[in-house]
Amino acid sequence: MWLKVIAGVEVTIGAAVLLPFRQIRRTASVLMVLHMLMVIWQTGLFNDIGARDVGVLAAAVALSTLL
């Protein structure tokens, strides 16, 4: 059940990044950074999933600084 909720949050935030309004995109990118920090906190850094999530976090930070 909680995986569906997390997937819904990720899809919603991803769709918000595509909207043409700058403030919504910036807010969504910051929310994605916070979401990825929580995912890394739950899964840990020292496994395959943690390594992947650190890369996704780096991409989200880059996106939020560019917007």
Protein backbone atom coordinates (compact mmCIF):
# COMPACT_ATOMS: atom_id res chain seq x y z
CA MET A 1 0.00 0.00 0.00
CA TRP A 2 2.69 2.53 0.98
CA LEU A 3 4.58 1.87 -2.26
CA LYS A 4 1.53 3.04 -4.19
CA VAL A 5 1.40 6.21 -2.09
CA ILE A 6 5.10 6.91 -2.67
CA ALA A 7 4.69 6.24 -6.39
CA GLY A 8 1.73 8.62 -6.49
CA VAL A 9 3.75 11.33 -4.75
CA GLU A 10 6.64 10.90 -7.20
CA VAL A 11 4.34 11.02 -10.23
CA THR A 12 2.55 14.10 -8.91
CA ILE A 13 5.78 15.94 -8.21
CA GLY A 14 7.20 14.88 -11.57
CA ALA A 15 4.10 16.19 -13.34
CA ALA A 16 4.33 19.46 -11.40
CA VAL A 17 7.87 19.99 -12.69
CA LEU A 18 6.47 19.93 -16.23
CA LEU A 19 3.97 22.72 -15.60
CA PRO A 20 4.82 26.06 -17.25
CA PHE A 21 4.68 28.06 -14.00
CA ARG A 22 8.09 28.83 -12.52
CA GLN A 23 7.03 28.91 -8.86
CA ILE A 24 5.27 25.54 -9.13
CA ARG A 25 8.32 23.98 -10.81
CA ARG A 26 10.66 25.37 -8.16
CA THR A 27 8.43 24.16 -5.32
CA ALA A 28 8.08 20.74 -6.90
CA SER A 29 11.82 20.37 -7.36
CA VAL A 30 12.47 21.28 -3.71
CA LEU A 31 9.79 18.78 -2.66
CA MET A 32 11.53 16.13 -4.76
CA VAL A 33 14.84 16.85 -3.01
CA LEU A 34 13.14 16.49 0.38
CA HIS A 35 11.38 13.33 -0.78
CA MET A 36 14.64 11.78 -1.96
CA LEU A 37 16.32 12.64 1.35
CA MET A 38 13.54 10.80 3.17
CA VAL A 39 13.87 7.79 0.85
CA ILE A 40 17.63 7.66 1.42
CA TRP A 41 17.08 7.96 5.15
CA GLN A 42 14.68 4.99 5.07
CA THR A 43 16.71 2.73 2.75
CA GLY A 44 20.24 3.64 3.83
CA LEU A 45 23.28 4.66 1.83
CA PHE A 46 25.36 1.50 1.83
CA ASN A 47 23.47 -0.71 -0.61
CA ASP A 48 22.55 -0.74 -4.29
CA ILE A 49 19.31 1.17 -3.80
CA GLY A 50 21.02 3.82 -1.68
CA ALA A 51 23.67 4.37 -4.34
CA ARG A 52 20.99 4.81 -6.99
CA ASP A 53 19.00 7.18 -4.81
CA VAL A 54 22.05 9.36 -4.16
CA GLY A 55 22.35 9.80 -7.94
CA VAL A 56 18.67 10.71 -8.17
CA LEU A 57 19.13 13.13 -5.28
CA ALA A 58 22.05 14.78 -7.09
CA ALA A 59 19.89 15.18 -10.19
CA ALA A 60 17.05 16.67 -8.11
CA VAL A 61 19.44 19.14 -6.45
CA ALA A 62 20.79 20.14 -9.86
CA LEU A 63 17.25 20.64 -11.15
CA SER A 64 16.26 22.75 -8.17
CA THR A 65 19.33 24.98 -8.55
CA LEU A 66 18.69 25.44 -12.27
CA LEU A 67 15.07 26.45 -11.74
